[in-house]
């Protein structure tokens, strides 16, 4: 199940400031997180409208996780630059190969 924040940002078609524009609350009553405050210039979405965004939100969150995983595992770009400055083609190629390995490990599709 996707995060409610992702569905709201998809509904609004932009990033949301969840401290000022939309406030979410979980009363710990087992009913989950809900919109407590809506300060946008568009209509507050219904549960049905948000639920209709579930598949799209799942894909957004999956891609965000892929990006985060890649960012954590990519080699330090300074190795690439160091190889360029030194004219060390083997070092540059190693950097490229390492990046391609990370991309293969965490594919976007």
PDB file of N, CA and C in Angstrom:
ATOM      1  N   UNK A   1       0.853  -1.188   0.000  1.00  0.00           N
ATOM      2  CA  UNK A   1       0.000   0.000   0.000  1.00  0.00           C
ATOM      3  C   UNK A   1       0.891   1.241   0.000  1.00  0.00           C
ATOM      4  N   UNK A   2       0.532   2.170  -0.817  1.00  0.00           N
ATOM      5  CA  UNK A   2       1.362   3.359  -0.961  1.00  0.00           C
ATOM      6  C   UNK A   2       1.136   4.352   0.170  1.00  0.00           C
ATOM      7  N   UNK A   3       2.084   5.247   0.247  1.00  0.00           N
ATOM      8  CA  UNK A   3       2.028   6.308   1.222  1.00  0.00           C
ATOM      9  C   UNK A   3       0.997   7.347   0.767  1.00  0.00           C
ATOM     10  N   UNK A   4       0.204   7.827   1.682  1.00  0.00           N
ATOM     11  CA  UNK A   4      -0.821   8.823   1.363  1.00  0.00           C
ATOM     12  C   UNK A   4      -0.203  10.082   0.777  1.00  0.00           C
ATOM     13  N   UNK A   5       1.000  10.439   1.227  1.00  0.00           N
ATOM     14  CA  UNK A   5       1.637  11.654   0.704  1.00  0.00           C
ATOM     15  C   UNK A   5       1.874  11.552  -0.799  1.00  0.00           C
ATOM     16  N   UNK A   6       2.256  10.376  -1.272  1.00  0.00           N
ATOM     17  CA  UNK A   6       2.491  10.193  -2.708  1.00  0.00           C
ATOM     18  C   UNK A   6       1.204  10.387  -3.493  1.00  0.00           C
ATOM     19  N   UNK A   7       0.118   9.826  -2.999  1.00  0.00           N
ATOM     20  CA  UNK A   7      -1.169   9.974  -3.688  1.00  0.00           C
ATOM     21  C   UNK A   7      -1.605  11.440  -3.725  1.00  0.00           C
ATOM     22  N   UNK A   8      -1.395  12.147  -2.630  1.00  0.00           N
ATOM     23  CA  UNK A   8      -1.790  13.557  -2.580  1.00  0.00           C
ATOM     24  C   UNK A   8      -0.972  14.369  -3.565  1.00  0.00           C
ATOM     25  N   UNK A   9       0.336  14.098  -3.645  1.00  0.00           N
ATOM     26  CA  UNK A   9       1.180  14.835  -4.592  1.00  0.00           C
ATOM     27  C   UNK A   9       0.807  14.505  -6.039  1.00  0.00           C
ATOM     28  N   UNK A  10       0.423  13.286  -6.299  1.00  0.00           N
ATOM     29  CA  UNK A  10      -0.054  12.948  -7.640  1.00  0.00           C
ATOM     30  C   UNK A  10      -1.369  13.664  -7.938  1.00  0.00           C
ATOM     31  N   UNK A  11      -2.264  13.683  -6.973  1.00  0.00           N
ATOM     32  CA  UNK A  11      -3.554  14.365  -7.142  1.00  0.00           C
ATOM     33  C   UNK A  11      -3.345  15.852  -7.429  1.00  0.00           C
ATOM     34  N   UNK A  12      -2.444  16.481  -6.672  1.00  0.00           N
ATOM     35  CA  UNK A  12      -2.196  17.912  -6.833  1.00  0.00           C
ATOM     36  C   UNK A  12      -1.250  18.209  -8.000  1.00  0.00           C
ATOM     37  N   UNK A  13      -0.596  17.181  -8.487  1.00  0.00           N
ATOM     38  CA  UNK A  13       0.347  17.307  -9.597  1.00  0.00           C
ATOM     39  C   UNK A  13       1.537  18.202  -9.260  1.00  0.00           C
ATOM     40  N   UNK A  14       1.970  18.129  -7.985  1.00  0.00           N
ATOM     41  CA  UNK A  14       3.146  18.888  -7.555  1.00  0.00           C
ATOM     42  C   UNK A  14       3.581  18.419  -6.171  1.00  0.00           C
ATOM     43  N   UNK A  15       4.772  18.852  -5.763  1.00  0.00           N
ATOM     44  CA  UNK A  15       5.250  18.581  -4.405  1.00  0.00           C
ATOM     45  C   UNK A  15       4.412  19.393  -3.419  1.00  0.00           C
ATOM     46  N   UNK A  16       4.174  18.822  -2.270  1.00  0.00           N
ATOM     47  CA  UNK A  16       3.344  19.452  -1.252  1.00  0.00           C
ATOM     48  C   UNK A  16       4.173  19.690   0.005  1.00  0.00           C
ATOM     49  N   UNK A  17       3.952  20.832   0.644  1.00  0.00           N
ATOM     50  CA  UNK A  17       4.549  21.100   1.952  1.00  0.00           C
ATOM     51  C   UNK A  17       3.587  20.538   2.994  1.00  0.00           C
ATOM     52  N   UNK A  18       3.956  19.398   3.577  1.00  0.00           N
ATOM     53  CA  UNK A  18       3.065  18.720   4.515  1.00  0.00           C
ATOM     54  C   UNK A  18       3.132  19.299   5.923  1.00  0.00           C
ATOM     55  N   UNK A  19       3.800  20.439   6.075  1.00  0.00           N
ATOM     56  CA  UNK A  19       3.754  21.141   7.359  1.00  0.00           C
ATOM     57  C   UNK A  19       2.840  22.356   7.276  1.00  0.00           C
ATOM     58  N   UNK A  20       2.598  22.834   6.048  1.00  0.00           N
ATOM     59  CA  UNK A  20       1.788  24.044   5.887  1.00  0.00           C
ATOM     60  C   UNK A  20       0.554  23.835   5.012  1.00  0.00           C
ATOM     61  N   UNK A  21       0.721  23.140   3.906  1.00  0.00           N
ATOM     62  CA  UNK A  21      -0.365  23.051   2.927  1.00  0.00           C
ATOM     63  C   UNK A  21      -1.377  21.941   3.238  1.00  0.00           C
ATOM     64  N   UNK A  22      -0.848  20.800   3.622  1.00  0.00           N
ATOM     65  CA  UNK A  22      -1.703  19.657   3.939  1.00  0.00           C
ATOM     66  C   UNK A  22      -1.131  19.014   5.202  1.00  0.00           C
ATOM     67  N   UNK A  23      -1.998  18.833   6.183  1.00  0.00           N
ATOM     68  CA  UNK A  23      -1.546  18.204   7.429  1.00  0.00           C
ATOM     69  C   UNK A  23      -2.209  16.837   7.550  1.00  0.00           C
ATOM     70  N   UNK A  24      -1.372  15.830   7.727  1.00  0.00           N
ATOM     71  CA  UNK A  24      -1.855  14.460   7.892  1.00  0.00           C
ATOM     72  C   UNK A  24      -1.760  14.062   9.361  1.00  0.00           C
ATOM     73  N   UNK A  25      -2.722  13.271   9.814  1.00  0.00           N
ATOM     74  CA  UNK A  25      -2.769  12.858  11.215  1.00  0.00           C
ATOM     75  C   UNK A  25      -3.110  11.371  11.283  1.00  0.00           C
ATOM     76  N   UNK A  26      -2.514  10.715  12.256  1.00  0.00           N
ATOM     77  CA  UNK A  26      -2.873   9.337  12.589  1.00  0.00           C
ATOM     78  C   UNK A  26      -3.223   9.328  14.066  1.00  0.00           C
ATOM     79  N   UNK A  27      -4.480   9.108  14.371  1.00  0.00           N
ATOM     80  CA  UNK A  27      -4.943   9.115  15.763  1.00  0.00           C
ATOM     81  C   UNK A  27      -4.625   7.823  16.498  1.00  0.00           C
ATOM     82  N   UNK A  28      -3.925   6.914  15.853  1.00  0.00           N
ATOM     83  CA  UNK A  28      -3.599   5.606  16.439  1.00  0.00           C
ATOM     84  C   UNK A  28      -4.852   4.846  16.862  1.00  0.00           C
ATOM     85  N   UNK A  29      -5.910   5.024  16.099  1.00  0.00           N
ATOM     86  CA  UNK A  29      -7.169   4.339  16.395  1.00  0.00           C
ATOM     87  C   UNK A  29      -7.402   3.156  15.456  1.00  0.00           C
ATOM     88  N   UNK A  30      -6.369   2.829  14.671  1.00  0.00           N
ATOM     89  CA  UNK A  30      -6.482   1.719  13.739  1.00  0.00           C
ATOM     90  C   UNK A  30      -7.063   2.088  12.395  1.00  0.00           C
ATOM     91  N   UNK A  31      -7.483   3.324  12.230  1.00  0.00           N
ATOM     92  CA  UNK A  31      -8.086   3.756  10.967  1.00  0.00           C
ATOM     93  C   UNK A  31      -7.043   4.327  10.003  1.00  0.00           C
ATOM     94  N   UNK A  32      -5.829   4.504  10.480  1.00  0.00           N
ATOM     95  CA  UNK A  32      -4.754   4.969   9.610  1.00  0.00           C
ATOM     96  C   UNK A  32      -4.660   6.481   9.513  1.00  0.00           C
ATOM     97  N   UNK A  33      -3.803   6.902   8.614  1.00  0.00           N
ATOM     98  CA  UNK A  33      -3.531   8.324   8.400  1.00  0.00           C
ATOM     99  C   UNK A  33      -4.667   8.937   7.589  1.00  0.00           C
ATOM    100  N   UNK A  34      -5.022  10.176   7.932  1.00  0.00           N
ATOM    101  CA  UNK A  34      -6.060  10.885   7.184  1.00  0.00           C
ATOM    102  C   UNK A  34      -5.674  12.353   7.045  1.00  0.00           C
ATOM    103  N   UNK A  35      -6.344  13.029   6.127  1.00  0.00           N
ATOM    104  CA  UNK A  35      -6.099  14.454   5.897  1.00  0.00           C
ATOM    105  C   UNK A  35      -6.853  15.233   6.966  1.00  0.00           C
ATOM    106  N   UNK A  36      -6.116  15.922   7.827  1.00  0.00           N
ATOM    107  CA  UNK A  36      -6.729  16.707   8.891  1.00  0.00           C
ATOM    108  C   UNK A  36      -6.911  18.158   8.470  1.00  0.00           C
ATOM    109  N   UNK A  37      -6.022  18.636   7.607  1.00  0.00           N
ATOM    110  CA  UNK A  37      -6.071  20.033   7.159  1.00  0.00           C
ATOM    111  C   UNK A  37      -5.725  20.084   5.687  1.00  0.00           C
ATOM    112  N   UNK A  38      -6.507  20.846   4.909  1.00  0.00           N
ATOM    113  CA  UNK A  38      -6.289  20.969   3.465  1.00  0.00           C
ATOM    114  C   UNK A  38      -6.247  22.457   3.118  1.00  0.00           C
ATOM    115  N   UNK A  39      -5.055  22.953   2.798  1.00  0.00           N
ATOM    116  CA  UNK A  39      -4.877  24.378   2.521  1.00  0.00           C
ATOM    117  C   UNK A  39      -4.377  24.620   1.102  1.00  0.00           C
ATOM    118  N   UNK A  40      -4.926  23.874   0.155  1.00  0.00           N
ATOM    119  CA  UNK A  40      -4.577  24.057  -1.247  1.00  0.00           C
ATOM    120  C   UNK A  40      -5.740  24.721  -1.965  1.00  0.00           C
ATOM    121  N   UNK A  41      -5.435  25.315  -3.108  1.00  0.00           N
ATOM    122  CA  UNK A  41      -6.487  26.008  -3.856  1.00  0.00           C
ATOM    123  C   UNK A  41      -7.253  25.078  -4.795  1.00  0.00           C
ATOM    124  N   UNK A  42      -7.089  23.787  -4.608  1.00  0.00           N
ATOM    125  CA  UNK A  42      -7.885  22.806  -5.344  1.00  0.00           C
ATOM    126  C   UNK A  42      -8.718  22.031  -4.328  1.00  0.00           C
ATOM    127  N   UNK A  43      -9.780  21.406  -4.807  1.00  0.00           N
ATOM    128  CA  UNK A  43     -10.685  20.673  -3.913  1.00  0.00           C
ATOM    129  C   UNK A  43      -9.963  19.520  -3.223  1.00  0.00           C
ATOM    130  N   UNK A  44     -10.300  19.313  -1.977  1.00  0.00           N
ATOM    131  CA  UNK A  44      -9.751  18.180  -1.224  1.00  0.00           C
ATOM    132  C   UNK A  44     -10.221  16.897  -1.907  1.00  0.00           C
ATOM    133  N   UNK A  45      -9.314  15.955  -2.130  1.00  0.00           N
ATOM    134  CA  UNK A  45      -9.713  14.728  -2.825  1.00  0.00           C
ATOM    135  C   UNK A  45     -10.552  13.813  -1.941  1.00  0.00           C
ATOM    136  N   UNK A  46     -11.398  13.070  -2.594  1.00  0.00           N
ATOM    137  CA  UNK A  46     -12.164  12.041  -1.879  1.00  0.00           C
ATOM    138  C   UNK A  46     -11.282  10.803  -1.722  1.00  0.00           C
ATOM    139  N   UNK A  47     -11.707   9.909  -0.858  1.00  0.00           N
ATOM    140  CA  UNK A  47     -10.984   8.641  -0.714  1.00  0.00           C
ATOM    141  C   UNK A  47     -10.956   7.894  -2.042  1.00  0.00           C
ATOM    142  N   UNK A  48     -12.059   7.945  -2.780  1.00  0.00           N
ATOM    143  CA  UNK A  48     -12.131   7.257  -4.078  1.00  0.00           C
ATOM    144  C   UNK A  48     -11.115   7.837  -5.062  1.00  0.00           C
ATOM    145  N   UNK A  49     -10.981   9.160  -5.064  1.00  0.00           N
ATOM    146  CA  UNK A  49     -10.006   9.793  -5.959  1.00  0.00           C
ATOM    147  C   UNK A  49      -8.579   9.378  -5.585  1.00  0.00           C
ATOM    148  N   UNK A  50      -8.291   9.345  -4.299  1.00  0.00           N
ATOM    149  CA  UNK A  50      -6.957   8.937  -3.856  1.00  0.00           C
ATOM    150  C   UNK A  50      -6.716   7.460  -4.128  1.00  0.00           C
ATOM    151  N   UNK A  51      -7.722   6.633  -3.900  1.00  0.00           N
ATOM    152  CA  UNK A  51      -7.575   5.196  -4.152  1.00  0.00           C
ATOM    153  C   UNK A  51      -7.351   4.910  -5.632  1.00  0.00           C
ATOM    154  N   UNK A  52      -7.910   5.743  -6.501  1.00  0.00           N
ATOM    155  CA  UNK A  52      -7.724   5.570  -7.943  1.00  0.00           C
ATOM    156  C   UNK A  52      -6.264   5.811  -8.358  1.00  0.00           C
ATOM    157  N   UNK A  53      -5.506   6.474  -7.503  1.00  0.00           N
ATOM    158  CA  UNK A  53      -4.103   6.768  -7.789  1.00  0.00           C
ATOM    159  C   UNK A  53      -3.144   5.710  -7.240  1.00  0.00           C
ATOM    160  N   UNK A  54      -3.685   4.646  -6.677  1.00  0.00           N
ATOM    161  CA  UNK A  54      -2.875   3.616  -6.010  1.00  0.00           C
ATOM    162  C   UNK A  54      -1.801   3.031  -6.923  1.00  0.00           C
ATOM    163  N   UNK A  55      -2.158   2.590  -8.116  1.00  0.00           N
ATOM    164  CA  UNK A  55      -1.181   1.956  -9.016  1.00  0.00           C
ATOM    165  C   UNK A  55      -0.093   2.944  -9.420  1.00  0.00           C
ATOM    166  N   UNK A  56      -0.492   4.152  -9.748  1.00  0.00           N
ATOM    167  CA  UNK A  56       0.482   5.176 -10.139  1.00  0.00           C
ATOM    168  C   UNK A  56       1.396   5.528  -8.966  1.00  0.00           C
ATOM    169  N   UNK A  57       0.835   5.617  -7.783  1.00  0.00           N
ATOM    170  CA  UNK A  57       1.629   5.926  -6.593  1.00  0.00           C
ATOM    171  C   UNK A  57       2.599   4.786  -6.272  1.00  0.00           C
ATOM    172  N   UNK A  58       2.153   3.554  -6.453  1.00  0.00           N
ATOM    173  CA  UNK A  58       3.048   2.411  -6.239  1.00  0.00           C
ATOM    174  C   UNK A  58       4.256   2.496  -7.162  1.00  0.00           C
ATOM    175  N   UNK A  59       4.025   2.858  -8.418  1.00  0.00           N
ATOM    176  CA  UNK A  59       5.121   2.968  -9.387  1.00  0.00           C
ATOM    177  C   UNK A  59       6.062   4.108  -9.024  1.00  0.00           C
ATOM    178  N   UNK A  60       5.524   5.234  -8.600  1.00  0.00           N
ATOM    179  CA  UNK A  60       6.357   6.369  -8.173  1.00  0.00           C
ATOM    180  C   UNK A  60       7.242   5.948  -6.999  1.00  0.00           C
ATOM    181  N   UNK A  61       6.650   5.293  -6.032  1.00  0.00           N
ATOM    182  CA  UNK A  61       7.420   4.878  -4.857  1.00  0.00           C
ATOM    183  C   UNK A  61       8.456   3.810  -5.211  1.00  0.00           C
ATOM    184  N   UNK A  62       8.115   2.912  -6.120  1.00  0.00           N
ATOM    185  CA  UNK A  62       9.076   1.898  -6.557  1.00  0.00           C
ATOM    186  C   UNK A  62      10.270   2.564  -7.242  1.00  0.00           C
ATOM    187  N   UNK A  63       9.996   3.514  -8.131  1.00  0.00           N
ATOM    188  CA  UNK A  63      11.085   4.217  -8.817  1.00  0.00           C
ATOM    189  C   UNK A  63      11.913   5.052  -7.846  1.00  0.00           C
ATOM    190  N   UNK A  64      11.274   5.649  -6.866  1.00  0.00           N
ATOM    191  CA  UNK A  64      12.021   6.409  -5.851  1.00  0.00           C
ATOM    192  C   UNK A  64      12.959   5.499  -5.075  1.00  0.00           C
ATOM    193  N   UNK A  65      12.520   4.271  -4.793  1.00  0.00           N
ATOM    194  CA  UNK A  65      13.375   3.318  -4.091  1.00  0.00           C
ATOM    195  C   UNK A  65      14.547   2.880  -4.967  1.00  0.00           C
ATOM    196  N   UNK A  66      14.284   2.682  -6.256  1.00  0.00           N
ATOM    197  CA  UNK A  66      15.361   2.339  -7.195  1.00  0.00           C
ATOM    198  C   UNK A  66      16.400   3.454  -7.210  1.00  0.00           C
ATOM    199  N   UNK A  67      15.952   4.693  -7.292  1.00  0.00           N
ATOM    200  CA  UNK A  67      16.873   5.840  -7.310  1.00  0.00           C
ATOM    201  C   UNK A  67      17.689   5.916  -6.021  1.00  0.00           C
ATOM    202  N   UNK A  68      17.042   5.682  -4.900  1.00  0.00           N
ATOM    203  CA  UNK A  68      17.744   5.733  -3.610  1.00  0.00           C
ATOM    204  C   UNK A  68      18.781   4.610  -3.517  1.00  0.00           C
ATOM    205  N   UNK A  69      18.396   3.413  -3.948  1.00  0.00           N
ATOM    206  CA  UNK A  69      19.339   2.295  -3.934  1.00  0.00           C
ATOM    207  C   UNK A  69      20.537   2.586  -4.819  1.00  0.00           C
ATOM    208  N   UNK A  70      20.274   3.105  -6.012  1.00  0.00           N
ATOM    209  CA  UNK A  70      21.366   3.437  -6.925  1.00  0.00           C
ATOM    210  C   UNK A  70      22.279   4.497  -6.315  1.00  0.00           C
ATOM    211  N   UNK A  71      21.689   5.534  -5.766  1.00  0.00           N
ATOM    212  CA  UNK A  71      22.496   6.624  -5.191  1.00  0.00           C
ATOM    213  C   UNK A  71      23.411   6.112  -4.095  1.00  0.00           C
ATOM    214  N   UNK A  72      22.935   5.162  -3.307  1.00  0.00           N
ATOM    215  CA  UNK A  72      23.748   4.608  -2.220  1.00  0.00           C
ATOM    216  C   UNK A  72      24.895   3.740  -2.719  1.00  0.00           C
ATOM    217  N   UNK A  73      24.749   3.176  -3.904  1.00  0.00           N
ATOM    218  CA  UNK A  73      25.748   2.222  -4.377  1.00  0.00           C
ATOM    219  C   UNK A  73      26.628   2.727  -5.515  1.00  0.00           C
ATOM    220  N   UNK A  74      26.259   3.840  -6.126  1.00  0.00           N
ATOM    221  CA  UNK A  74      27.128   4.364  -7.189  1.00  0.00           C
ATOM    222  C   UNK A  74      28.511   4.678  -6.625  1.00  0.00           C
ATOM    223  N   UNK A  75      29.552   4.467  -7.433  1.00  0.00           N
ATOM    224  CA  UNK A  75      30.895   4.827  -6.974  1.00  0.00           C
ATOM    225  C   UNK A  75      31.030   6.348  -6.870  1.00  0.00           C
ATOM    226  N   UNK A  76      32.000   6.778  -6.128  1.00  0.00           N
ATOM    227  CA  UNK A  76      32.259   8.204  -5.936  1.00  0.00           C
ATOM    228  C   UNK A  76      32.665   8.827  -7.270  1.00  0.00           C
ATOM    229  N   UNK A  77      31.971   9.867  -7.704  1.00  0.00           N
ATOM    230  CA  UNK A  77      32.252  10.505  -8.993  1.00  0.00           C
ATOM    231  C   UNK A  77      33.669  11.067  -9.065  1.00  0.00           C
ATOM    232  N   UNK A  78      34.282  11.305  -7.909  1.00  0.00           N
ATOM    233  CA  UNK A  78      35.651  11.835  -7.912  1.00  0.00           C
ATOM    234  C   UNK A  78      36.636  10.843  -8.514  1.00  0.00           C
ATOM    235  N   UNK A  79      36.299   9.550  -8.427  1.00  0.00           N
ATOM    236  CA  UNK A  79      37.145   8.534  -9.068  1.00  0.00           C
ATOM    237  C   UNK A  79      37.149   8.723 -10.580  1.00  0.00           C
ATOM    238  N   UNK A  80      35.981   9.040 -11.116  1.00  0.00           N
ATOM    239  CA  UNK A  80      35.849   9.299 -12.557  1.00  0.00           C
ATOM    240  C   UNK A  80      36.658  10.526 -12.950  1.00  0.00           C
ATOM    241  N   UNK A  81      36.457  11.602 -12.207  1.00  0.00           N
ATOM    242  CA  UNK A  81      37.182  12.839 -12.514  1.00  0.00           C
ATOM    243  C   UNK A  81      38.690  12.660 -12.354  1.00  0.00           C
ATOM    244  N   UNK A  82      39.091  11.931 -11.337  1.00  0.00           N
ATOM    245  CA  UNK A  82      40.511  11.676 -11.129  1.00  0.00           C
ATOM    246  C   UNK A  82      41.097  10.932 -12.325  1.00  0.00           C
ATOM    247  N   UNK A  83      40.345   9.949 -12.825  1.00  0.00           N
ATOM    248  CA  UNK A  83      40.798   9.201 -13.994  1.00  0.00           C
ATOM    249  C   UNK A  83      40.921  10.078 -15.228  1.00  0.00           C
ATOM    250  N   UNK A  84      39.979  11.001 -15.393  1.00  0.00           N
ATOM    251  CA  UNK A  84      40.039  11.925 -16.538  1.00  0.00           C
ATOM    252  C   UNK A  84      41.261  12.822 -16.426  1.00  0.00           C
ATOM    253  N   UNK A  85      41.457  13.422 -15.262  1.00  0.00           N
ATOM    254  CA  UNK A  85      42.590  14.328 -15.052  1.00  0.00           C
ATOM    255  C   UNK A  85      43.917  13.612 -15.284  1.00  0.00           C
ATOM    256  N   UNK A  86      44.010  12.392 -14.811  1.00  0.00           N
ATOM    257  CA  UNK A  86      45.255  11.623 -14.960  1.00  0.00           C
ATOM    258  C   UNK A  86      45.386  10.982 -16.342  1.00  0.00           C
ATOM    259  N   UNK A  87      44.306  11.035 -17.125  1.00  0.00           N
ATOM    260  CA  UNK A  87      44.336  10.376 -18.422  1.00  0.00           C
ATOM    261  C   UNK A  87      44.361   8.859 -18.289  1.00  0.00           C
ATOM    262  N   UNK A  88      43.826   8.359 -17.208  1.00  0.00           N
ATOM    263  CA  UNK A  88      43.827   6.921 -16.920  1.00  0.00           C
ATOM    264  C   UNK A  88      42.529   6.309 -17.446  1.00  0.00           C
ATOM    265  N   UNK A  89      42.577   5.832 -18.677  1.00  0.00           N
ATOM    266  CA  UNK A  89      41.372   5.268 -19.305  1.00  0.00           C
ATOM    267  C   UNK A  89      40.852   4.043 -18.572  1.00  0.00           C
ATOM    268  N   UNK A  90      41.738   3.264 -17.976  1.00  0.00           N
ATOM    269  CA  UNK A  90      41.301   2.083 -17.223  1.00  0.00           C
ATOM    270  C   UNK A  90      40.480   2.505 -16.004  1.00  0.00           C
ATOM    271  N   UNK A  91      40.904   3.561 -15.325  1.00  0.00           N
ATOM    272  CA  UNK A  91      40.171   4.051 -14.157  1.00  0.00           C
ATOM    273  C   UNK A  91      38.805   4.592 -14.575  1.00  0.00           C
ATOM    274  N   UNK A  92      38.774   5.333 -15.676  1.00  0.00           N
ATOM    275  CA  UNK A  92      37.511   5.878 -16.184  1.00  0.00           C
ATOM    276  C   UNK A  92      36.569   4.727 -16.554  1.00  0.00           C
ATOM    277  N   UNK A  93      37.109   3.724 -17.260  1.00  0.00           N
ATOM    278  CA  UNK A  93      36.281   2.583 -17.673  1.00  0.00           C
ATOM    279  C   UNK A  93      35.782   1.789 -16.472  1.00  0.00           C
ATOM    280  N   UNK A  94      36.601   1.656 -15.436  1.00  0.00           N
ATOM    281  CA  UNK A  94      36.173   0.962 -14.216  1.00  0.00           C
ATOM    282  C   UNK A  94      34.989   1.689 -13.588  1.00  0.00           C
ATOM    283  N   UNK A  95      35.081   3.018 -13.538  1.00  0.00           N
ATOM    284  CA  UNK A  95      33.977   3.806 -12.990  1.00  0.00           C
ATOM    285  C   UNK A  95      32.699   3.555 -13.797  1.00  0.00           C
ATOM    286  N   UNK A  96      32.818   3.614 -15.120  1.00  0.00           N
ATOM    287  CA  UNK A  96      31.658   3.394 -15.982  1.00  0.00           C
ATOM    288  C   UNK A  96      31.099   1.987 -15.763  1.00  0.00           C
ATOM    289  N   UNK A  97      31.947   0.995 -15.703  1.00  0.00           N
ATOM    290  CA  UNK A  97      31.501  -0.386 -15.489  1.00  0.00           C
ATOM    291  C   UNK A  97      30.806  -0.543 -14.145  1.00  0.00           C
ATOM    292  N   UNK A  98      31.360   0.106 -13.111  1.00  0.00           N
ATOM    293  CA  UNK A  98      30.743   0.039 -11.782  1.00  0.00           C
ATOM    294  C   UNK A  98      29.358   0.680 -11.792  1.00  0.00           C
ATOM    295  N   UNK A  99      29.216   1.798 -12.491  1.00  0.00           N
ATOM    296  CA  UNK A  99      27.903   2.455 -12.600  1.00  0.00           C
ATOM    297  C   UNK A  99      26.912   1.562 -13.342  1.00  0.00           C
ATOM    298  N   UNK A 100      27.355   0.951 -14.428  1.00  0.00           N
ATOM    299  CA  UNK A 100      26.476   0.069 -15.195  1.00  0.00           C
ATOM    300  C   UNK A 100      26.048  -1.147 -14.373  1.00  0.00           C
ATOM    301  N   UNK A 101      26.944  -1.635 -13.525  1.00  0.00           N
ATOM    302  CA  UNK A 101      26.596  -2.765 -12.655  1.00  0.00           C
ATOM    303  C   UNK A 101      25.501  -2.371 -11.664  1.00  0.00           C
ATOM    304  N   UNK A 102      25.581  -1.156 -11.130  1.00  0.00           N
ATOM    305  CA  UNK A 102      24.546  -0.675 -10.205  1.00  0.00           C
ATOM    306  C   UNK A 102      23.218  -0.529 -10.941  1.00  0.00           C
ATOM    307  N   UNK A 103      23.262   0.030 -12.164  1.00  0.00           N
ATOM    308  CA  UNK A 103      22.037   0.171 -12.955  1.00  0.00           C
ATOM    309  C   UNK A 103      21.405  -1.192 -13.239  1.00  0.00           C
ATOM    310  N   UNK A 104      22.244  -2.184 -13.524  1.00  0.00           N
ATOM    311  CA  UNK A 104      21.724  -3.528 -13.787  1.00  0.00           C
ATOM    312  C   UNK A 104      21.143  -4.155 -12.523  1.00  0.00           C
ATOM    313  N   UNK A 105      21.750  -3.887 -11.390  1.00  0.00           N
ATOM    314  CA  UNK A 105      21.284  -4.437 -10.115  1.00  0.00           C
ATOM    315  C   UNK A 105      19.924  -3.850  -9.720  1.00  0.00           C
ATOM    316  N   UNK A 106      19.718  -2.561 -10.042  1.00  0.00           N
ATOM    317  CA  UNK A 106      18.474  -1.869  -9.697  1.00  0.00           C
ATOM    318  C   UNK A 106      17.844  -1.284 -10.961  1.00  0.00           C
ATOM    319  N   UNK A 107      17.236  -2.133 -11.798  1.00  0.00           N
ATOM    320  CA  UNK A 107      16.631  -1.630 -13.039  1.00  0.00           C
ATOM    321  C   UNK A 107      15.386  -0.790 -12.765  1.00  0.00           C
ATOM    322  N   UNK A 108      15.130   0.158 -13.642  1.00  0.00           N
ATOM    323  CA  UNK A 108      13.935   0.999 -13.499  1.00  0.00           C
ATOM    324  C   UNK A 108      12.684   0.294 -13.995  1.00  0.00           C
ATOM    325  N   UNK A 109      12.867  -0.708 -14.833  1.00  0.00           N
ATOM    326  CA  UNK A 109      11.675  -1.410 -15.342  1.00  0.00           C
ATOM    327  C   UNK A 109      11.737  -2.875 -15.054  1.00  0.00           C
TER     328      UNK A 109
END
